Amino acid sequence: MSRAWPVKDVDPDAPVGANARKVLAVRIAELYAYEPAIAEPAWAHELHDMRIAAKRLRYTLELFAPQFGESGKVQTDRIKQVQEALGVLHDRDVEIEMVGAELSAAMADEADRVRAGLANAGPQEMAAIATSAMRPPPDDVRRGLISLLGAAHADRQRAYESFTSLWSTLSEQGMRRDL
């Protein structure tokens, strides 16, 4: 996880609004530093870091809500949408990793079983073992995991498209300017 950017020159004697603007300027810059990752769907780590930056910005907006009134509430709602869309995307990335790890383990187990079977098989049994390994039975766990993995990738693609559409809409509405 990325570390929060430090906020410098906060003056404890200054009005809350002045310090709020300093903190928000840093949090906004931190969020937009990840904007290049939006065009790179495979950059899961950077998109997750963007989610964390959005979370920091949202909580900062909520903390200073009294200073910014209705305008601040609109910005908080926008950032919350960004955070949630990136959260769904991150959930899909975690799911893909988990299912992929299970599939890898199942395939490794099957490879061990095939190696052991071939080591102890006669010439006629070797062909049957090889055929069985290349065409697993319908109840083989690998079939289900492959199906789950495909569904998770499709869900991730939809989540990515939903996020990029949201970001584009909010950008067209002037979110950065309004922040």
C-alpha atoms as a PDB file:
ATOM      1  CA  MET A   1       0.000   0.000   0.000  1.00  0.00           C
ATOM      2  CA  SER A   2       1.222   3.454  -0.803  1.00  0.00           C
ATOM      3  CA  ARG A   3       2.153   5.828   1.968  1.00  0.00           C
ATOM      4  CA  ALA A   4       0.213   9.036   2.381  1.00  0.00           C
ATOM      5  CA  TRP A   5       1.941  12.077   1.009  1.00  0.00           C
ATOM      6  CA  PRO A   6       3.056  14.388   3.804  1.00  0.00           C
ATOM      7  CA  VAL A   7       1.317  17.709   4.275  1.00  0.00           C
ATOM      8  CA  LYS A   8       3.746  20.513   5.012  1.00  0.00           C
ATOM      9  CA  ASP A   9       3.285  24.001   6.392  1.00  0.00           C
ATOM     10  CA  VAL A  10       0.126  23.364   8.382  1.00  0.00           C
ATOM     11  CA  ASP A  11      -0.196  26.287  10.766  1.00  0.00           C
ATOM     12  CA  PRO A  12      -1.939  25.476  14.053  1.00  0.00           C
ATOM     13  CA  ASP A  13      -2.707  29.173  14.508  1.00  0.00           C
ATOM     14  CA  ALA A  14      -4.289  29.581  11.069  1.00  0.00           C
ATOM     15  CA  PRO A  15      -8.031  29.281  10.448  1.00  0.00           C
ATOM     16  CA  VAL A  16      -9.283  25.741   9.882  1.00  0.00           C
ATOM     17  CA  GLY A  17     -10.288  26.581   6.313  1.00  0.00           C
ATOM     18  CA  ALA A  18      -6.752  27.639   5.394  1.00  0.00           C
ATOM     19  CA  ASN A  19      -5.249  24.415   6.736  1.00  0.00           C
ATOM     20  CA  ALA A  20      -8.049  22.361   5.178  1.00  0.00           C
ATOM     21  CA  ARG A  21      -7.149  23.736   1.763  1.00  0.00           C
ATOM     22  CA  LYS A  22      -3.482  22.791   2.273  1.00  0.00           C
ATOM     23  CA  VAL A  23      -4.374  19.244   3.294  1.00  0.00           C
ATOM     24  CA  LEU A  24      -6.878  18.862   0.469  1.00  0.00           C
ATOM     25  CA  ALA A  25      -4.396  20.158  -2.109  1.00  0.00           C
ATOM     26  CA  VAL A  26      -1.997  17.368  -1.153  1.00  0.00           C
ATOM     27  CA  ARG A  27      -4.712  14.682  -1.111  1.00  0.00           C
ATOM     28  CA  ILE A  28      -6.048  15.819  -4.500  1.00  0.00           C
ATOM     29  CA  ALA A  29      -2.547  15.776  -6.011  1.00  0.00           C
ATOM     30  CA  GLU A  30      -1.978  12.334  -4.512  1.00  0.00           C
ATOM     31  CA  LEU A  31      -5.143  10.977  -6.147  1.00  0.00           C
ATOM     32  CA  TYR A  32      -4.401  12.480  -9.544  1.00  0.00           C
ATOM     33  CA  ALA A  33      -0.824  11.168  -9.458  1.00  0.00           C
ATOM     34  CA  TYR A  34      -2.385   7.757 -10.160  1.00  0.00           C
ATOM     35  CA  GLU A  35      -4.410   8.973 -13.149  1.00  0.00           C
ATOM     36  CA  PRO A  36      -1.986   7.407 -15.703  1.00  0.00           C
ATOM     37  CA  ALA A  37      -2.876   3.977 -14.253  1.00  0.00           C
ATOM     38  CA  ILE A  38      -6.464   4.387 -15.437  1.00  0.00           C
ATOM     39  CA  ALA A  39      -5.413   3.729 -19.034  1.00  0.00           C
ATOM     40  CA  GLU A  40      -3.577   0.549 -17.985  1.00  0.00           C
ATOM     41  CA  PRO A  41      -6.083  -2.135 -16.942  1.00  0.00           C
ATOM     42  CA  ALA A  42      -3.319  -4.542 -15.917  1.00  0.00           C
ATOM     43  CA  TRP A  43      -1.882  -2.099 -13.365  1.00  0.00           C
ATOM     44  CA  ALA A  44      -3.865  -3.606 -10.501  1.00  0.00           C
ATOM     45  CA  HIS A  45      -1.428  -2.468  -7.819  1.00  0.00           C
ATOM     46  CA  GLU A  46      -1.482   1.156  -8.968  1.00  0.00           C
ATOM     47  CA  LEU A  47      -5.270   1.138  -9.289  1.00  0.00           C
ATOM     48  CA  HIS A  48      -5.478  -0.206  -5.739  1.00  0.00           C
ATOM     49  CA  ASP A  49      -3.157   2.570  -4.571  1.00  0.00           C
ATOM     50  CA  MET A  50      -5.456   5.027  -6.339  1.00  0.00           C
ATOM     51  CA  ARG A  51      -8.329   3.598  -4.314  1.00  0.00           C
ATOM     52  CA  ILE A  52      -6.378   4.198  -1.116  1.00  0.00           C
ATOM     53  CA  ALA A  53      -5.629   7.782  -2.236  1.00  0.00           C
ATOM     54  CA  ALA A  54      -9.346   8.277  -2.970  1.00  0.00           C
ATOM     55  CA  LYS A  55     -10.168   6.956   0.493  1.00  0.00           C
ATOM     56  CA  ARG A  56      -7.745   9.447   2.078  1.00  0.00           C
ATOM     57  CA  LEU A  57      -9.242  12.287   0.052  1.00  0.00           C
ATOM     58  CA  ARG A  58     -12.782  11.264   0.945  1.00  0.00           C
ATOM     59  CA  TYR A  59     -12.049  11.103   4.651  1.00  0.00           C
ATOM     60  CA  THR A  60     -10.298  14.471   4.485  1.00  0.00           C
ATOM     61  CA  LEU A  61     -13.338  15.968   2.748  1.00  0.00           C
ATOM     62  CA  GLU A  62     -15.579  14.475   5.420  1.00  0.00           C
ATOM     63  CA  LEU A  63     -13.353  15.812   8.183  1.00  0.00           C
ATOM     64  CA  PHE A  64     -13.575  19.332   6.796  1.00  0.00           C
ATOM     65  CA  ALA A  65     -17.221  19.115   5.700  1.00  0.00           C
ATOM     66  CA  PRO A  66     -18.317  22.130   7.779  1.00  0.00           C
ATOM     67  CA  GLN A  67     -15.800  24.353   5.951  1.00  0.00           C
ATOM     68  CA  PHE A  68     -17.048  23.485   2.462  1.00  0.00           C
ATOM     69  CA  GLY A  69     -20.809  23.098   2.843  1.00  0.00           C
ATOM     70  CA  GLU A  70     -22.883  21.699   0.000  1.00  0.00           C
ATOM     71  CA  SER A  71     -20.050  21.975  -2.513  1.00  0.00           C
ATOM     72  CA  GLY A  72     -17.896  19.794  -0.263  1.00  0.00           C
ATOM     73  CA  LYS A  73     -20.704  17.234   0.014  1.00  0.00           C
ATOM     74  CA  VAL A  74     -20.909  16.977  -3.790  1.00  0.00           C
ATOM     75  CA  GLN A  75     -17.151  16.381  -3.968  1.00  0.00           C
ATOM     76  CA  THR A  76     -17.312  13.828  -1.160  1.00  0.00           C
ATOM     77  CA  ASP A  77     -20.047  11.933  -3.019  1.00  0.00           C
ATOM     78  CA  ARG A  78     -17.982  11.954  -6.218  1.00  0.00           C
ATOM     79  CA  ILE A  79     -14.873  10.648  -4.485  1.00  0.00           C
ATOM     80  CA  LYS A  80     -16.935   8.026  -2.679  1.00  0.00           C
ATOM     81  CA  GLN A  81     -18.141   6.750  -6.068  1.00  0.00           C
ATOM     82  CA  VAL A  82     -14.534   6.573  -7.312  1.00  0.00           C
ATOM     83  CA  GLN A  83     -13.437   4.764  -4.151  1.00  0.00           C
ATOM     84  CA  GLU A  84     -16.288   2.259  -4.378  1.00  0.00           C
ATOM     85  CA  ALA A  85     -15.736   1.561  -8.093  1.00  0.00           C
ATOM     86  CA  LEU A  86     -12.043   0.979  -7.450  1.00  0.00           C
ATOM     87  CA  GLY A  87     -12.987  -1.222  -4.487  1.00  0.00           C
ATOM     88  CA  VAL A  88     -15.082  -3.471  -6.725  1.00  0.00           C
ATOM     89  CA  LEU A  89     -12.176  -3.666  -9.162  1.00  0.00           C
ATOM     90  CA  HIS A  90      -9.775  -4.564  -6.349  1.00  0.00           C
ATOM     91  CA  ASP A  91     -12.176  -7.252  -5.082  1.00  0.00           C
ATOM     92  CA  ARG A  92     -12.084  -8.855  -8.537  1.00  0.00           C
ATOM     93  CA  ASP A  93      -8.253  -8.701  -8.548  1.00  0.00           C
ATOM     94  CA  VAL A  94      -8.136 -10.467  -5.169  1.00  0.00           C
ATOM     95  CA  GLU A  95     -10.637 -13.071  -6.393  1.00  0.00           C
ATOM     96  CA  ILE A  96      -8.532 -13.732  -9.496  1.00  0.00           C
ATOM     97  CA  GLU A  97      -5.418 -14.200  -7.358  1.00  0.00           C
ATOM     98  CA  MET A  98      -7.185 -16.576  -4.967  1.00  0.00           C
ATOM     99  CA  VAL A  99      -8.801 -18.711  -7.662  1.00  0.00           C
ATOM    100  CA  GLY A 100      -5.561 -18.695  -9.668  1.00  0.00           C
ATOM    101  CA  ALA A 101      -3.614 -19.932  -6.644  1.00  0.00           C
ATOM    102  CA  GLU A 102      -6.127 -22.750  -6.093  1.00  0.00           C
ATOM    103  CA  LEU A 103      -5.942 -23.705  -9.763  1.00  0.00           C
ATOM    104  CA  SER A 104      -2.139 -23.721  -9.642  1.00  0.00           C
ATOM    105  CA  ALA A 105      -2.203 -25.959  -6.586  1.00  0.00           C
ATOM    106  CA  ALA A 106      -4.698 -28.341  -8.224  1.00  0.00           C
ATOM    107  CA  MET A 107      -2.596 -28.474 -11.376  1.00  0.00           C
ATOM    108  CA  ALA A 108       0.554 -29.148  -9.364  1.00  0.00           C
ATOM    109  CA  ASP A 109      -1.233 -31.955  -7.525  1.00  0.00           C
ATOM    110  CA  GLU A 110      -2.365 -33.414 -10.839  1.00  0.00           C
ATOM    111  CA  ALA A 111       1.172 -33.143 -12.258  1.00  0.00           C
ATOM    112  CA  ASP A 112       2.516 -35.029  -9.235  1.00  0.00           C
ATOM    113  CA  ARG A 113      -0.177 -37.694  -9.681  1.00  0.00           C
ATOM    114  CA  VAL A 114       0.632 -38.061 -13.397  1.00  0.00           C
ATOM    115  CA  ARG A 115       4.388 -38.273 -12.743  1.00  0.00           C
ATOM    116  CA  ALA A 116       3.877 -40.928 -10.089  1.00  0.00           C
ATOM    117  CA  GLY A 117       1.448 -42.824 -12.285  1.00  0.00           C
ATOM    118  CA  LEU A 118       3.766 -42.765 -15.288  1.00  0.00           C
ATOM    119  CA  ALA A 119       6.726 -43.846 -13.171  1.00  0.00           C
ATOM    120  CA  ASN A 120       4.899 -47.015 -12.127  1.00  0.00           C
ATOM    121  CA  ALA A 121       2.956 -47.702 -15.347  1.00  0.00           C
ATOM    122  CA  GLY A 122       3.497 -50.188 -18.076  1.00  0.00           C
ATOM    123  CA  PRO A 123       3.600 -49.071 -21.730  1.00  0.00           C
ATOM    124  CA  GLN A 124      -0.145 -49.544 -22.290  1.00  0.00           C
ATOM    125  CA  GLU A 125      -1.115 -47.716 -19.110  1.00  0.00           C
ATOM    126  CA  MET A 126       1.036 -44.694 -20.021  1.00  0.00           C
ATOM    127  CA  ALA A 127      -1.229 -43.705 -22.911  1.00  0.00           C
ATOM    128  CA  ALA A 128      -4.329 -43.920 -20.697  1.00  0.00           C
ATOM    129  CA  ILE A 129      -2.665 -41.794 -17.987  1.00  0.00           C
ATOM    130  CA  ALA A 130      -1.593 -39.160 -20.543  1.00  0.00           C
ATOM    131  CA  THR A 131      -5.073 -39.060 -22.103  1.00  0.00           C
ATOM    132  CA  SER A 132      -6.702 -38.742 -18.679  1.00  0.00           C
ATOM    133  CA  ALA A 133      -4.384 -35.866 -17.752  1.00  0.00           C
ATOM    134  CA  MET A 134      -5.139 -33.994 -20.981  1.00  0.00           C
ATOM    135  CA  ARG A 135      -8.896 -34.557 -20.724  1.00  0.00           C
ATOM    136  CA  PRO A 136      -9.866 -34.389 -17.066  1.00  0.00           C
ATOM    137  CA  PRO A 137     -13.184 -35.949 -16.064  1.00  0.00           C
ATOM    138  CA  PRO A 138     -16.237 -33.686 -15.621  1.00  0.00           C
ATOM    139  CA  ASP A 139     -15.977 -33.773 -11.837  1.00  0.00           C
ATOM    140  CA  ASP A 140     -12.314 -32.661 -11.790  1.00  0.00           C
ATOM    141  CA  VAL A 141     -11.848 -29.586  -9.579  1.00  0.00           C
ATOM    142  CA  ARG A 142      -9.663 -27.944 -12.227  1.00  0.00           C
ATOM    143  CA  ARG A 143     -12.644 -27.599 -14.573  1.00  0.00           C
ATOM    144  CA  GLY A 144     -14.593 -25.667 -11.960  1.00  0.00           C
ATOM    145  CA  LEU A 145     -11.616 -23.480 -11.077  1.00  0.00           C
ATOM    146  CA  ILE A 146     -10.983 -22.664 -14.729  1.00  0.00           C
ATOM    147  CA  SER A 147     -14.639 -21.723 -15.099  1.00  0.00           C
ATOM    148  CA  LEU A 148     -14.472 -19.551 -11.960  1.00  0.00           C
ATOM    149  CA  LEU A 149     -11.295 -17.909 -13.171  1.00  0.00           C
ATOM    150  CA  GLY A 150     -12.902 -17.069 -16.506  1.00  0.00           C
ATOM    151  CA  ALA A 151     -15.938 -15.582 -14.752  1.00  0.00           C
ATOM    152  CA  ALA A 152     -13.709 -13.563 -12.412  1.00  0.00           C
ATOM    153  CA  HIS A 153     -11.784 -12.115 -15.358  1.00  0.00           C
ATOM    154  CA  ALA A 154     -15.048 -11.201 -17.085  1.00  0.00           C
ATOM    155  CA  ASP A 155     -16.312  -9.559 -13.885  1.00  0.00           C
ATOM    156  CA  ARG A 156     -13.041  -7.657 -13.558  1.00  0.00           C
ATOM    157  CA  GLN A 157     -13.335  -6.396 -17.125  1.00  0.00           C
ATOM    158  CA  ARG A 158     -16.845  -5.123 -16.381  1.00  0.00           C
ATOM    159  CA  ALA A 159     -15.652  -3.497 -13.144  1.00  0.00           C
ATOM    160  CA  TYR A 160     -12.765  -1.835 -14.991  1.00  0.00           C
ATOM    161  CA  GLU A 161     -15.079  -0.537 -17.707  1.00  0.00           C
ATOM    162  CA  SER A 162     -17.503   0.730 -15.078  1.00  0.00           C
ATOM    163  CA  PHE A 163     -14.710   2.550 -13.248  1.00  0.00           C
ATOM    164  CA  THR A 164     -13.242   4.116 -16.396  1.00  0.00           C
ATOM    165  CA  SER A 165     -16.709   5.221 -17.490  1.00  0.00           C
ATOM    166  CA  LEU A 166     -17.325   6.801 -14.083  1.00  0.00           C
ATOM    167  CA  TRP A 167     -13.937   8.530 -14.124  1.00  0.00           C
ATOM    168  CA  SER A 168     -14.586   9.874 -17.614  1.00  0.00           C
ATOM    169  CA  THR A 169     -18.019  11.180 -16.612  1.00  0.00           C
ATOM    170  CA  LEU A 170     -16.697  12.840 -13.469  1.00  0.00           C
ATOM    171  CA  SER A 171     -13.822  14.347 -15.428  1.00  0.00           C
ATOM    172  CA  GLU A 172     -16.210  15.752 -18.021  1.00  0.00           C
ATOM    173  CA  GLN A 173     -18.272  17.228 -15.183  1.00  0.00           C
ATOM    174  CA  GLY A 174     -15.166  19.063 -13.961  1.00  0.00           C
ATOM    175  CA  MET A 175     -14.405  17.080 -10.820  1.00  0.00           C
ATOM    176  CA  ARG A 176     -10.740  18.099 -10.692  1.00  0.00           C
ATOM    177  CA  ARG A 177     -11.579  21.754 -11.175  1.00  0.00           C
ATOM    178  CA  ASP A 178     -14.319  21.564  -8.555  1.00  0.00           C
ATOM    179  CA  LEU A 179     -12.063  19.844  -6.056  1.00  0.00           C
END
